[in-house]
């Protein structure tokens, strides 16, 4: 589960863009305070940003270098 700020950092967007997307698509976060999103909701946000042309590439975290 990730917060809106973590998703914004990953995608290079502002938190306002991510919050607007959550409201527009009627995505229900798990918490209202920090608004934590699960992996399916996160994938949906990435997919929408990609098809809107706001996201060109995505960097995934890896544990290979640990």
PDB file of N, CA and C in Angstrom:
ATOM      1  N   UNK A   1       0.841  -1.170   0.000  1.00  0.00           N
ATOM      2  CA  UNK A   1       0.000   0.000   0.000  1.00  0.00           C
ATOM      3  C   UNK A   1       0.892   1.241   0.000  1.00  0.00           C
ATOM      4  N   UNK A   2       0.533   2.184  -0.845  1.00  0.00           N
ATOM      5  CA  UNK A   2       1.319   3.404  -0.966  1.00  0.00           C
ATOM      6  C   UNK A   2       0.438   4.621  -0.760  1.00  0.00           C
ATOM      7  N   UNK A   3       1.083   5.700  -0.365  1.00  0.00           N
ATOM      8  CA  UNK A   3       0.364   6.955  -0.186  1.00  0.00           C
ATOM      9  C   UNK A   3       0.362   7.730  -1.497  1.00  0.00           C
ATOM     10  N   UNK A   4      -0.412   8.793  -1.531  1.00  0.00           N
ATOM     11  CA  UNK A   4      -0.509   9.622  -2.729  1.00  0.00           C
ATOM     12  C   UNK A   4       0.833  10.275  -3.036  1.00  0.00           C
ATOM     13  N   UNK A   5       1.552  10.712  -2.012  1.00  0.00           N
ATOM     14  CA  UNK A   5       2.837  11.362  -2.250  1.00  0.00           C
ATOM     15  C   UNK A   5       3.857  10.398  -2.846  1.00  0.00           C
ATOM     16  N   UNK A   6       3.823   9.134  -2.439  1.00  0.00           N
ATOM     17  CA  UNK A   6       4.738   8.145  -3.018  1.00  0.00           C
ATOM     18  C   UNK A   6       4.417   7.902  -4.487  1.00  0.00           C
ATOM     19  N   UNK A   7       3.142   7.819  -4.825  1.00  0.00           N
ATOM     20  CA  UNK A   7       2.744   7.624  -6.221  1.00  0.00           C
ATOM     21  C   UNK A   7       3.109   8.847  -7.053  1.00  0.00           C
ATOM     22  N   UNK A   8       2.951  10.036  -6.476  1.00  0.00           N
ATOM     23  CA  UNK A   8       3.303  11.261  -7.191  1.00  0.00           C
ATOM     24  C   UNK A   8       4.799  11.312  -7.481  1.00  0.00           C
ATOM     25  N   UNK A   9       5.627  10.896  -6.532  1.00  0.00           N
ATOM     26  CA  UNK A   9       7.072  10.865  -6.755  1.00  0.00           C
ATOM     27  C   UNK A   9       7.443   9.872  -7.845  1.00  0.00           C
ATOM     28  N   UNK A  10       6.804   8.713  -7.853  1.00  0.00           N
ATOM     29  CA  UNK A  10       7.095   7.689  -8.860  1.00  0.00           C
ATOM     30  C   UNK A  10       6.747   8.153 -10.265  1.00  0.00           C
ATOM     31  N   UNK A  11       5.619   8.865 -10.391  1.00  0.00           N
ATOM     32  CA  UNK A  11       5.125   9.239 -11.713  1.00  0.00           C
ATOM     33  C   UNK A  11       5.605  10.601 -12.176  1.00  0.00           C
ATOM     34  N   UNK A  12       6.178  11.398 -11.279  1.00  0.00           N
ATOM     35  CA  UNK A  12       6.641  12.721 -11.657  1.00  0.00           C
ATOM     36  C   UNK A  12       5.515  13.741 -11.744  1.00  0.00           C
ATOM     37  N   UNK A  13       4.389  13.444 -11.150  1.00  0.00           N
ATOM     38  CA  UNK A  13       3.241  14.351 -11.129  1.00  0.00           C
ATOM     39  C   UNK A  13       3.133  14.979  -9.748  1.00  0.00           C
ATOM     40  N   UNK A  14       2.279  15.989  -9.645  1.00  0.00           N
ATOM     41  CA  UNK A  14       2.043  16.595  -8.341  1.00  0.00           C
ATOM     42  C   UNK A  14       0.973  15.799  -7.595  1.00  0.00           C
ATOM     43  N   UNK A  15       0.893  16.024  -6.308  1.00  0.00           N
ATOM     44  CA  UNK A  15      -0.121  15.333  -5.519  1.00  0.00           C
ATOM     45  C   UNK A  15      -1.519  15.801  -5.894  1.00  0.00           C
ATOM     46  N   UNK A  16      -1.641  17.047  -6.377  1.00  0.00           N
ATOM     47  CA  UNK A  16      -2.949  17.557  -6.784  1.00  0.00           C
ATOM     48  C   UNK A  16      -3.494  16.802  -7.991  1.00  0.00           C
ATOM     49  N   UNK A  17      -2.618  16.438  -8.921  1.00  0.00           N
ATOM     50  CA  UNK A  17      -3.029  15.664 -10.099  1.00  0.00           C
ATOM     51  C   UNK A  17      -3.518  14.290  -9.674  1.00  0.00           C
ATOM     52  N   UNK A  18      -2.806  13.653  -8.757  1.00  0.00           N
ATOM     53  CA  UNK A  18      -3.192  12.319  -8.294  1.00  0.00           C
ATOM     54  C   UNK A  18      -4.511  12.389  -7.515  1.00  0.00           C
ATOM     55  N   UNK A  19      -4.666  13.391  -6.659  1.00  0.00           N
ATOM     56  CA  UNK A  19      -5.919  13.540  -5.905  1.00  0.00           C
ATOM     57  C   UNK A  19      -7.094  13.798  -6.841  1.00  0.00           C
ATOM     58  N   UNK A  20      -6.883  14.627  -7.865  1.00  0.00           N
ATOM     59  CA  UNK A  20      -7.942  14.903  -8.835  1.00  0.00           C
ATOM     60  C   UNK A  20      -8.345  13.625  -9.567  1.00  0.00           C
ATOM     61  N   UNK A  21      -7.355  12.812  -9.925  1.00  0.00           N
ATOM     62  CA  UNK A  21      -7.615  11.558 -10.611  1.00  0.00           C
ATOM     63  C   UNK A  21      -8.413  10.604  -9.725  1.00  0.00           C
ATOM     64  N   UNK A  22      -8.084  10.565  -8.435  1.00  0.00           N
ATOM     65  CA  UNK A  22      -8.802   9.706  -7.497  1.00  0.00           C
ATOM     66  C   UNK A  22     -10.260  10.141  -7.389  1.00  0.00           C
ATOM     67  N   UNK A  23     -10.486  11.446  -7.315  1.00  0.00           N
ATOM     68  CA  UNK A  23     -11.858  11.952  -7.232  1.00  0.00           C
ATOM     69  C   UNK A  23     -12.617  11.721  -8.534  1.00  0.00           C
ATOM     70  N   UNK A  24     -11.966  11.959  -9.663  1.00  0.00           N
ATOM     71  CA  UNK A  24     -12.624  11.823 -10.962  1.00  0.00           C
ATOM     72  C   UNK A  24     -13.010  10.384 -11.259  1.00  0.00           C
ATOM     73  N   UNK A  25     -12.147   9.441 -10.924  1.00  0.00           N
ATOM     74  CA  UNK A  25     -12.407   8.027 -11.197  1.00  0.00           C
ATOM     75  C   UNK A  25     -13.151   7.333 -10.065  1.00  0.00           C
ATOM     76  N   UNK A  26     -13.455   8.069  -9.007  1.00  0.00           N
ATOM     77  CA  UNK A  26     -14.199   7.552  -7.849  1.00  0.00           C
ATOM     78  C   UNK A  26     -13.512   6.350  -7.200  1.00  0.00           C
ATOM     79  N   UNK A  27     -12.202   6.481  -7.020  1.00  0.00           N
ATOM     80  CA  UNK A  27     -11.416   5.456  -6.346  1.00  0.00           C
ATOM     81  C   UNK A  27     -11.524   5.713  -4.845  1.00  0.00           C
ATOM     82  N   UNK A  28     -11.856   4.685  -4.086  1.00  0.00           N
ATOM     83  CA  UNK A  28     -12.004   4.822  -2.641  1.00  0.00           C
ATOM     84  C   UNK A  28     -10.732   4.357  -1.943  1.00  0.00           C
ATOM     85  N   UNK A  29      -9.967   5.285  -1.343  1.00  0.00           N
ATOM     86  CA  UNK A  29      -8.757   4.891  -0.609  1.00  0.00           C
ATOM     87  C   UNK A  29      -9.125   4.194   0.696  1.00  0.00           C
ATOM     88  N   UNK A  30      -8.146   3.511   1.289  1.00  0.00           N
ATOM     89  CA  UNK A  30      -8.387   2.781   2.526  1.00  0.00           C
ATOM     90  C   UNK A  30      -8.473   3.702   3.731  1.00  0.00           C
ATOM     91  N   UNK A  31      -7.676   4.754   3.750  1.00  0.00           N
ATOM     92  CA  UNK A  31      -7.721   5.707   4.848  1.00  0.00           C
ATOM     93  C   UNK A  31      -7.995   7.087   4.291  1.00  0.00           C
ATOM     94  N   UNK A  32      -8.722   7.873   5.034  1.00  0.00           N
ATOM     95  CA  UNK A  32      -8.980   9.242   4.600  1.00  0.00           C
ATOM     96  C   UNK A  32      -7.839  10.178   4.976  1.00  0.00           C
ATOM     97  N   UNK A  33      -7.099   9.900   6.039  1.00  0.00           N
ATOM     98  CA  UNK A  33      -6.017  10.779   6.476  1.00  0.00           C
ATOM     99  C   UNK A  33      -4.862  10.807   5.496  1.00  0.00           C
ATOM    100  N   UNK A  34      -4.194   9.672   5.345  1.00  0.00           N
ATOM    101  CA  UNK A  34      -3.056   9.577   4.436  1.00  0.00           C
ATOM    102  C   UNK A  34      -3.450   9.052   3.063  1.00  0.00           C
ATOM    103  N   UNK A  35      -4.662   8.589   2.896  1.00  0.00           N
ATOM    104  CA  UNK A  35      -5.157   8.035   1.639  1.00  0.00           C
ATOM    105  C   UNK A  35      -4.221   6.958   1.087  1.00  0.00           C
ATOM    106  N   UNK A  36      -4.195   5.838   1.732  1.00  0.00           N
ATOM    107  CA  UNK A  36      -3.380   4.720   1.255  1.00  0.00           C
ATOM    108  C   UNK A  36      -4.133   3.957   0.177  1.00  0.00           C
ATOM    109  N   UNK A  37      -3.420   3.588  -0.874  1.00  0.00           N
ATOM    110  CA  UNK A  37      -4.000   2.873  -2.006  1.00  0.00           C
ATOM    111  C   UNK A  37      -3.337   1.516  -2.144  1.00  0.00           C
ATOM    112  N   UNK A  38      -4.109   0.500  -2.503  1.00  0.00           N
ATOM    113  CA  UNK A  38      -3.522  -0.826  -2.688  1.00  0.00           C
ATOM    114  C   UNK A  38      -2.927  -0.936  -4.094  1.00  0.00           C
ATOM    115  N   UNK A  39      -2.372  -2.111  -4.412  1.00  0.00           N
ATOM    116  CA  UNK A  39      -1.662  -2.292  -5.683  1.00  0.00           C
ATOM    117  C   UNK A  39      -2.583  -2.179  -6.893  1.00  0.00           C
ATOM    118  N   UNK A  40      -3.815  -2.654  -6.779  1.00  0.00           N
ATOM    119  CA  UNK A  40      -4.748  -2.560  -7.904  1.00  0.00           C
ATOM    120  C   UNK A  40      -5.134  -1.119  -8.191  1.00  0.00           C
ATOM    121  N   UNK A  41      -5.380  -0.357  -7.142  1.00  0.00           N
ATOM    122  CA  UNK A  41      -5.717   1.052  -7.321  1.00  0.00           C
ATOM    123  C   UNK A  41      -4.526   1.823  -7.881  1.00  0.00           C
ATOM    124  N   UNK A  42      -3.342   1.489  -7.410  1.00  0.00           N
ATOM    125  CA  UNK A  42      -2.119   2.123  -7.906  1.00  0.00           C
ATOM    126  C   UNK A  42      -1.912   1.818  -9.385  1.00  0.00           C
ATOM    127  N   UNK A  43      -2.139   0.577  -9.771  1.00  0.00           N
ATOM    128  CA  UNK A  43      -1.998   0.189 -11.177  1.00  0.00           C
ATOM    129  C   UNK A  43      -3.013   0.918 -12.047  1.00  0.00           C
ATOM    130  N   UNK A  44      -4.212   1.111 -11.539  1.00  0.00           N
ATOM    131  CA  UNK A  44      -5.231   1.851 -12.280  1.00  0.00           C
ATOM    132  C   UNK A  44      -4.807   3.298 -12.490  1.00  0.00           C
ATOM    133  N   UNK A  45      -4.237   3.922 -11.485  1.00  0.00           N
ATOM    134  CA  UNK A  45      -3.759   5.302 -11.613  1.00  0.00           C
ATOM    135  C   UNK A  45      -2.645   5.386 -12.639  1.00  0.00           C
ATOM    136  N   UNK A  46      -1.699   4.437 -12.596  1.00  0.00           N
ATOM    137  CA  UNK A  46      -0.611   4.419 -13.572  1.00  0.00           C
ATOM    138  C   UNK A  46      -1.148   4.247 -14.991  1.00  0.00           C
ATOM    139  N   UNK A  47      -2.120   3.375 -15.143  1.00  0.00           N
ATOM    140  CA  UNK A  47      -2.715   3.113 -16.457  1.00  0.00           C
ATOM    141  C   UNK A  47      -3.408   4.360 -17.005  1.00  0.00           C
ATOM    142  N   UNK A  48      -4.170   5.044 -16.164  1.00  0.00           N
ATOM    143  CA  UNK A  48      -4.876   6.258 -16.594  1.00  0.00           C
ATOM    144  C   UNK A  48      -3.880   7.343 -16.973  1.00  0.00           C
ATOM    145  N   UNK A  49      -2.842   7.531 -16.158  1.00  0.00           N
ATOM    146  CA  UNK A  49      -1.830   8.544 -16.471  1.00  0.00           C
ATOM    147  C   UNK A  49      -1.112   8.229 -17.774  1.00  0.00           C
ATOM    148  N   UNK A  50      -0.853   6.954 -18.023  1.00  0.00           N
ATOM    149  CA  UNK A  50      -0.177   6.557 -19.254  1.00  0.00           C
ATOM    150  C   UNK A  50      -1.035   6.867 -20.484  1.00  0.00           C
ATOM    151  N   UNK A  51      -2.312   6.528 -20.433  1.00  0.00           N
ATOM    152  CA  UNK A  51      -3.175   6.742 -21.585  1.00  0.00           C
ATOM    153  C   UNK A  51      -3.561   8.210 -21.767  1.00  0.00           C
ATOM    154  N   UNK A  52      -3.424   9.035 -20.721  1.00  0.00           N
ATOM    155  CA  UNK A  52      -3.637  10.471 -20.865  1.00  0.00           C
ATOM    156  C   UNK A  52      -2.400  11.173 -21.399  1.00  0.00           C
ATOM    157  N   UNK A  53      -1.289  10.472 -21.479  1.00  0.00           N
ATOM    158  CA  UNK A  53      -0.055  11.047 -22.002  1.00  0.00           C
ATOM    159  C   UNK A  53       0.757  11.791 -20.962  1.00  0.00           C
ATOM    160  N   UNK A  54       0.415  11.654 -19.705  1.00  0.00           N
ATOM    161  CA  UNK A  54       1.146  12.318 -18.635  1.00  0.00           C
ATOM    162  C   UNK A  54       2.288  11.475 -18.105  1.00  0.00           C
ATOM    163  N   UNK A  55       2.319  10.228 -18.484  1.00  0.00           N
ATOM    164  CA  UNK A  55       3.318   9.296 -17.986  1.00  0.00           C
ATOM    165  C   UNK A  55       3.959   8.607 -19.181  1.00  0.00           C
ATOM    166  N   UNK A  56       5.260   8.781 -19.328  1.00  0.00           N
ATOM    167  CA  UNK A  56       5.961   8.178 -20.455  1.00  0.00           C
ATOM    168  C   UNK A  56       6.600   6.856 -20.042  1.00  0.00           C
ATOM    169  N   UNK A  57       7.229   6.836 -18.889  1.00  0.00           N
ATOM    170  CA  UNK A  57       7.844   5.611 -18.391  1.00  0.00           C
ATOM    171  C   UNK A  57       7.664   5.542 -16.883  1.00  0.00           C
ATOM    172  N   UNK A  58       7.890   4.360 -16.336  1.00  0.00           N
ATOM    173  CA  UNK A  58       7.712   4.131 -14.914  1.00  0.00           C
ATOM    174  C   UNK A  58       8.903   3.329 -14.399  1.00  0.00           C
ATOM    175  N   UNK A  59       9.452   3.779 -13.300  1.00  0.00           N
ATOM    176  CA  UNK A  59      10.567   3.076 -12.674  1.00  0.00           C
ATOM    177  C   UNK A  59      10.030   2.263 -11.515  1.00  0.00           C
ATOM    178  N   UNK A  60      10.287   0.964 -11.538  1.00  0.00           N
ATOM    179  CA  UNK A  60       9.856   0.084 -10.462  1.00  0.00           C
ATOM    180  C   UNK A  60      10.994  -0.129  -9.466  1.00  0.00           C
ATOM    181  N   UNK A  61      10.638  -0.240  -8.215  1.00  0.00           N
ATOM    182  CA  UNK A  61      11.626  -0.521  -7.188  1.00  0.00           C
ATOM    183  C   UNK A  61      12.096  -1.957  -7.332  1.00  0.00           C
ATOM    184  N   UNK A  62      13.373  -2.183  -7.073  1.00  0.00           N
ATOM    185  CA  UNK A  62      13.920  -3.520  -7.217  1.00  0.00           C
ATOM    186  C   UNK A  62      14.777  -3.847  -5.996  1.00  0.00           C
ATOM    187  N   UNK A  63      14.770  -5.115  -5.638  1.00  0.00           N
ATOM    188  CA  UNK A  63      15.597  -5.551  -4.517  1.00  0.00           C
ATOM    189  C   UNK A  63      16.838  -6.313  -5.008  1.00  0.00           C
ATOM    190  N   UNK A  64      17.126  -6.236  -6.290  1.00  0.00           N
ATOM    191  CA  UNK A  64      18.277  -6.948  -6.848  1.00  0.00           C
ATOM    192  C   UNK A  64      19.582  -6.407  -6.289  1.00  0.00           C
ATOM    193  N   UNK A  65      19.661  -5.103  -6.082  1.00  0.00           N
ATOM    194  CA  UNK A  65      20.906  -4.484  -5.643  1.00  0.00           C
ATOM    195  C   UNK A  65      21.137  -4.597  -4.152  1.00  0.00           C
ATOM    196  N   UNK A  66      20.218  -5.177  -3.416  1.00  0.00           N
ATOM    197  CA  UNK A  66      20.411  -5.314  -1.960  1.00  0.00           C
ATOM    198  C   UNK A  66      21.346  -6.431  -1.633  1.00  0.00           C
TER     199      UNK A  66
END
